[in-house]
Every structure is written in structure tokens, then in C-alpha cells.
């Protein structure tokens, strides 16, 4: 049986300030650190074989807070994006198969919000109109100026999932994906077969794990939100 754990990063300082963040690399807030610590406690007994995370610190820091509390105590090996092969080239030795590999990729980054990045959401509504901002935020195919739509985000997330994450699950592994609201929405849409026009209404709470289990045929068999 394969297990996939999706985890939206803990609250960031810009989440707290109600600002559009996107690819701006802001830190976790104190509340966000506490959320990540709580997620680590909830997941402490899972033998995590691999971690996939974005290049943004709020997602990485959340993943490391989880790993710090994991009772398996596995060493970690960080795998950089393709093109940085020197980091991951080595001669395998006995015991390397028990290492938790951490894969870092821009493909899992948050949706790029373009001209909205840094703006307070209420300020954006005053500047562009509340209806227009709502359309940018909640439609599937409409992108904010200079940014990505949710559809465009899914077009980079899903190929990465199928090429990198799915093979680990097919091998029966337990995989943690620590990422962002919109990149994770793309995965939820694919895993649960949710229609694109409905996925924008899917809310993922910060720092709250969403756990999927699959049978040997990679059919979804169980979904849990521990601690919810």
C-alpha cells in the first residue's frame, strides 16, 4: 500500500498580513512554525521514504519541522533540480536505501501571482475591483496580470507528479509533499478526479496534513485529515 501525504506549509508572514505571496520567498510566521511542529507530531510515526518540496523556504521549513520530529530518525539526502547533478552523484553504499531523499523543485512552487504579488488582498480589490480579483483568485483558467492561472500551475505540477512522485508511490513508498495551496490543489484535483471548475473552491488549511492511501493498483482507497 502506498501513502501520499500532502502538506500545505504553515502560515507565512504574508499569509498573516493578507498579502498575495506567490513566488516571493517569505518566512513562516511564529504561528506557522507552531503549525509545522504540530504537523510533525501528527506524522511522527510515518516512515517517510521521500519528501518533495518547492524551492520556497516556507515549504522547505515546514518539511524540516516534520522530519525533525519523525521517530524513524532517518538521515536525509537532498536532491537538487535536474541540471545540478553534481549534488546527487555518488557511489551507493550499504544503508543508502534507508535515507530519506528530499527533492526540491520549482515545479511545486506556489502559483505565480505576477502584478498582485506583495499587495494586500483588500488593497488589490480596491485597485482592480473586488469582482475582478475574485475571478483571478477563483477561476481555473484566468490569470492575473503577469501571473499564472491555476490551470497554468497545474500544467507544471502534474507532469512533475507523474514523472517523479508517482513512481515512488507505485513502489509502495510513503511520500510527503510539502508545498503550497495552489500547487497542492492541482494534485488534489488529479487524485480525486475533481472538475477544474470546482477545484478552486477546495481549501487546504495551513499546516494540516492530508493523507491518501492507494492499493496495489494505485486506486485511491482512503483519505484522512489527522487532527482536523
Protein backbone atom coordinates (compact mmCIF):
# COMPACT_ATOMS: atom_id res chain seq x y z
CA UNK A 1 0.00 0.00 0.00
CA UNK A 2 1.28 3.47 -0.91
CA UNK A 3 0.78 6.58 1.20
CA UNK A 4 0.85 10.17 -0.04
CA UNK A 5 0.91 13.00 2.50
CA UNK A 6 0.08 16.47 1.19
CA UNK A 7 1.01 19.33 3.49
CA UNK A 8 0.46 23.00 2.85
CA UNK A 9 3.19 24.99 4.56
CA UNK A 10 2.47 26.65 7.89
CA UNK A 11 1.18 30.20 7.95
CA UNK A 12 3.69 32.63 6.43
CA UNK A 13 4.26 36.22 7.49
CA UNK A 14 2.42 37.33 4.33
CA UNK A 15 -0.48 34.97 4.96
CA UNK A 16 -0.84 36.73 8.29
CA UNK A 17 -0.64 40.15 6.59
CA UNK A 18 -3.27 39.09 3.98
CA UNK A 19 -0.84 39.70 1.10
CA UNK A 20 -0.50 37.90 -2.24
CA UNK A 21 2.71 35.92 -1.91
CA UNK A 22 3.24 33.69 -4.95
CA UNK A 23 6.96 33.17 -5.56
CA UNK A 24 8.12 35.80 -3.04
CA UNK A 25 10.27 33.80 -0.62
CA UNK A 26 8.89 34.88 2.74
CA UNK A 27 9.33 33.04 6.04
CA UNK A 28 6.91 31.25 8.30
CA UNK A 29 5.23 33.30 11.00
CA UNK A 30 5.52 32.19 14.62
CA UNK A 31 2.05 30.67 14.24
CA UNK A 32 3.22 28.93 11.07
CA UNK A 33 6.19 27.39 12.87
CA UNK A 34 3.80 26.09 15.54
CA UNK A 35 1.55 24.64 12.82
CA UNK A 36 4.52 22.87 11.23
CA UNK A 37 5.57 21.50 14.61
CA UNK A 38 2.05 20.19 15.19
CA UNK A 39 2.07 18.52 11.76
CA UNK A 40 5.35 16.87 12.73
CA UNK A 41 3.75 15.42 15.85
CA UNK A 42 0.78 14.13 13.83
CA UNK A 43 3.15 12.47 11.33
CA UNK A 44 5.87 11.32 13.72
CA UNK A 45 5.18 7.59 13.30
CA UNK A 46 5.12 7.59 9.50
CA UNK A 47 8.20 6.06 7.86
CA UNK A 48 8.69 8.74 5.22
CA UNK A 49 10.67 7.41 2.26
CA UNK A 50 10.84 10.60 0.21
CA UNK A 51 9.96 14.27 0.53
CA UNK A 52 9.09 16.57 -2.37
CA UNK A 53 9.06 20.29 -1.77
CA UNK A 54 9.26 23.60 -3.61
CA UNK A 55 12.21 25.97 -3.80
CA UNK A 56 10.47 28.35 -1.37
CA UNK A 57 11.61 28.40 2.25
CA UNK A 58 8.16 28.33 3.84
CA UNK A 59 7.51 24.91 2.27
CA UNK A 60 11.01 23.60 3.00
CA UNK A 61 10.99 24.82 6.59
CA UNK A 62 7.64 23.11 7.13
CA UNK A 63 9.04 19.84 5.77
CA UNK A 64 12.09 20.03 8.03
CA UNK A 65 9.96 20.67 11.11
CA UNK A 66 8.11 17.45 10.25
CA UNK A 67 11.29 15.47 9.69
CA UNK A 68 12.85 16.73 12.94
CA UNK A 69 10.02 15.10 14.87
CA UNK A 70 9.91 11.84 12.94
CA UNK A 71 10.56 8.82 15.16
CA UNK A 72 12.22 6.86 12.36
CA UNK A 73 15.33 9.04 12.72
CA UNK A 74 16.47 8.54 9.15
CA UNK A 75 19.35 10.56 7.70
CA UNK A 76 18.42 12.84 4.81
CA UNK A 77 19.81 13.37 1.33
CA UNK A 78 18.79 16.50 -0.58
CA UNK A 79 18.33 16.10 -4.34
CA UNK A 80 18.55 19.33 -6.34
CA UNK A 81 16.80 20.13 -9.61
CA UNK A 82 17.99 18.32 -12.75
CA UNK A 83 20.95 20.25 -14.10
CA UNK A 84 22.68 20.25 -10.71
CA UNK A 85 23.79 16.63 -10.98
CA UNK A 86 27.00 17.11 -9.00
CA UNK A 87 24.95 17.35 -5.80
CA UNK A 88 23.44 13.88 -6.18
CA UNK A 89 26.25 11.94 -7.89
CA UNK A 90 27.80 9.37 -5.56
CA UNK A 91 28.67 5.68 -5.32
CA UNK A 92 25.93 3.93 -3.32
CA UNK A 93 26.94 2.19 -0.11
CA UNK A 94 25.12 -0.21 2.24
CA UNK A 95 22.44 1.64 4.15
CA UNK A 96 21.76 4.25 1.47
CA UNK A 97 18.34 2.71 0.88
CA UNK A 98 17.24 3.86 4.35
CA UNK A 99 17.96 7.53 3.63
CA UNK A 100 15.00 9.90 3.24
CA UNK A 101 15.55 11.74 -0.03
CA UNK A 102 14.36 15.33 -0.27
CA UNK A 103 13.59 16.53 -3.80
CA UNK A 104 13.39 20.29 -4.37
CA UNK A 105 11.70 21.66 -7.48
CA UNK A 106 10.24 24.90 -8.84
CA UNK A 107 7.50 22.72 -10.33
CA UNK A 108 5.91 22.60 -6.87
CA UNK A 109 6.17 26.35 -6.24
CA UNK A 110 3.09 28.38 -5.43
CA UNK A 111 1.08 29.89 -8.24
CA UNK A 112 2.91 32.95 -9.59
CA UNK A 113 0.67 35.96 -8.92
CA UNK A 114 2.51 38.45 -11.14
CA UNK A 115 1.47 42.07 -10.56
CA UNK A 116 -0.52 41.09 -7.46
CA UNK A 117 2.49 39.83 -5.53
CA UNK A 118 3.07 41.87 -2.40
CA UNK A 119 -0.32 43.57 -2.49
CA UNK A 120 -2.69 43.32 0.42
CA UNK A 121 -5.76 41.48 -0.88
CA UNK A 122 -8.13 44.22 0.27
CA UNK A 123 -5.92 46.81 -1.44
CA UNK A 124 -5.96 44.73 -4.64
CA UNK A 125 -9.77 44.63 -4.51
CA UNK A 126 -9.89 48.43 -4.26
CA UNK A 127 -7.39 48.86 -7.08
CA UNK A 128 -8.74 46.33 -9.56
CA UNK A 129 -12.29 45.75 -8.30
CA UNK A 130 -13.45 43.00 -5.96
CA UNK A 131 -15.15 41.03 -8.73
CA UNK A 132 -12.05 41.04 -10.92
CA UNK A 133 -9.77 39.95 -8.06
CA UNK A 134 -12.22 37.19 -7.15
CA UNK A 135 -12.09 35.99 -10.78
CA UNK A 136 -8.30 35.92 -10.73
CA UNK A 137 -8.26 34.02 -7.46
CA UNK A 138 -11.07 31.53 -8.02
CA UNK A 139 -11.33 30.84 -11.73
CA UNK A 140 -9.37 27.93 -13.21
CA UNK A 141 -8.21 29.47 -16.47
CA UNK A 142 -7.96 33.25 -15.88
CA UNK A 143 -4.51 34.55 -14.88
CA UNK A 144 -3.79 37.80 -13.01
CA UNK A 145 -1.72 40.34 -14.98
CA UNK A 146 1.77 38.97 -15.47
CA UNK A 147 0.98 35.83 -13.48
CA UNK A 148 -0.27 32.25 -13.70
CA UNK A 149 -3.78 30.86 -13.68
CA UNK A 150 -4.48 27.74 -11.66
CA UNK A 151 -4.58 25.88 -14.97
CA UNK A 152 -1.05 27.05 -15.79
CA UNK A 153 0.10 25.99 -12.32
CA UNK A 154 -1.39 22.53 -12.85
CA UNK A 155 0.44 22.27 -16.19
CA UNK A 156 3.78 22.29 -14.37
CA UNK A 157 2.74 20.43 -11.21
CA UNK A 158 1.05 17.39 -12.74
CA UNK A 159 3.84 16.33 -15.14
CA UNK A 160 6.28 16.56 -12.22
CA UNK A 161 3.94 14.44 -10.09
CA UNK A 162 3.63 11.78 -12.76
CA UNK A 163 7.34 11.66 -13.56
CA UNK A 164 8.81 11.95 -10.07
CA UNK A 165 6.31 11.32 -7.30
CA UNK A 166 4.04 8.65 -8.76
CA UNK A 167 6.87 6.13 -9.36
CA UNK A 168 7.77 6.32 -5.65
CA UNK A 169 4.15 5.60 -4.76
CA UNK A 170 3.90 2.73 -7.25
CA UNK A 171 6.88 1.19 -5.45
CA UNK A 172 4.81 1.22 -2.24
CA UNK A 173 6.54 4.17 -0.61
CA UNK A 174 5.34 6.78 1.84
CA UNK A 175 5.82 10.22 0.30
CA UNK A 176 5.46 13.69 1.83
CA UNK A 177 4.77 16.66 -0.46
CA UNK A 178 5.28 19.94 1.38
CA UNK A 179 4.12 22.70 -0.90
CA UNK A 180 1.50 25.43 -1.38
CA UNK A 181 -2.23 25.96 -1.60
CA UNK A 182 -2.43 26.13 -5.37
CA UNK A 183 0.23 23.58 -6.31
CA UNK A 184 -1.43 21.12 -3.93
CA UNK A 185 -4.89 21.93 -5.36
CA UNK A 186 -3.60 20.68 -8.70
CA UNK A 187 -2.65 17.36 -7.09
CA UNK A 188 -5.96 17.05 -5.24
CA UNK A 189 -7.82 17.72 -8.48
CA UNK A 190 -5.95 14.89 -10.22
CA UNK A 191 -6.08 12.38 -7.36
CA UNK A 192 -9.75 12.87 -6.50
CA UNK A 193 -10.96 13.49 -10.05
CA UNK A 194 -12.40 16.92 -9.21
CA UNK A 195 -13.61 19.01 -12.15
CA UNK A 196 -11.38 22.03 -12.91
CA UNK A 197 -14.24 24.47 -12.38
CA UNK A 198 -14.69 23.14 -8.82
CA UNK A 199 -11.11 22.79 -7.64
CA UNK A 200 -10.60 26.48 -6.82
CA UNK A 201 -13.16 26.07 -4.02
CA UNK A 202 -11.01 23.38 -2.40
CA UNK A 203 -9.42 24.90 0.71
CA UNK A 204 -6.29 23.41 2.25
CA UNK A 205 -5.57 24.64 5.76
CA UNK A 206 -2.02 25.70 6.53
CA UNK A 207 -0.02 23.09 8.42
CA UNK A 208 -2.71 20.41 8.23
CA UNK A 209 -1.74 17.07 6.62
CA UNK A 210 -3.99 15.44 4.03
CA UNK A 211 -3.24 11.72 3.75
CA UNK A 212 -4.13 9.49 0.80
CA UNK A 213 -3.64 5.73 0.67
CA UNK A 214 -3.63 3.68 -2.52
CA UNK A 215 -3.95 -0.03 -3.18
CA UNK A 216 -1.51 -2.02 -5.32
CA UNK A 217 -3.29 -0.87 -8.47
CA UNK A 218 -2.85 2.78 -7.38
CA UNK A 219 -6.56 3.14 -6.80
CA UNK A 220 -7.43 5.57 -4.02
CA UNK A 221 -8.55 3.54 -1.01
CA UNK A 222 -8.55 6.02 1.88
CA UNK A 223 -8.38 9.73 2.68
CA UNK A 224 -7.69 11.18 6.12
CA UNK A 225 -7.09 14.59 7.69
CA UNK A 226 -5.49 13.77 11.05
CA UNK A 227 -6.07 16.28 13.79
CA UNK A 228 -8.81 18.09 11.86
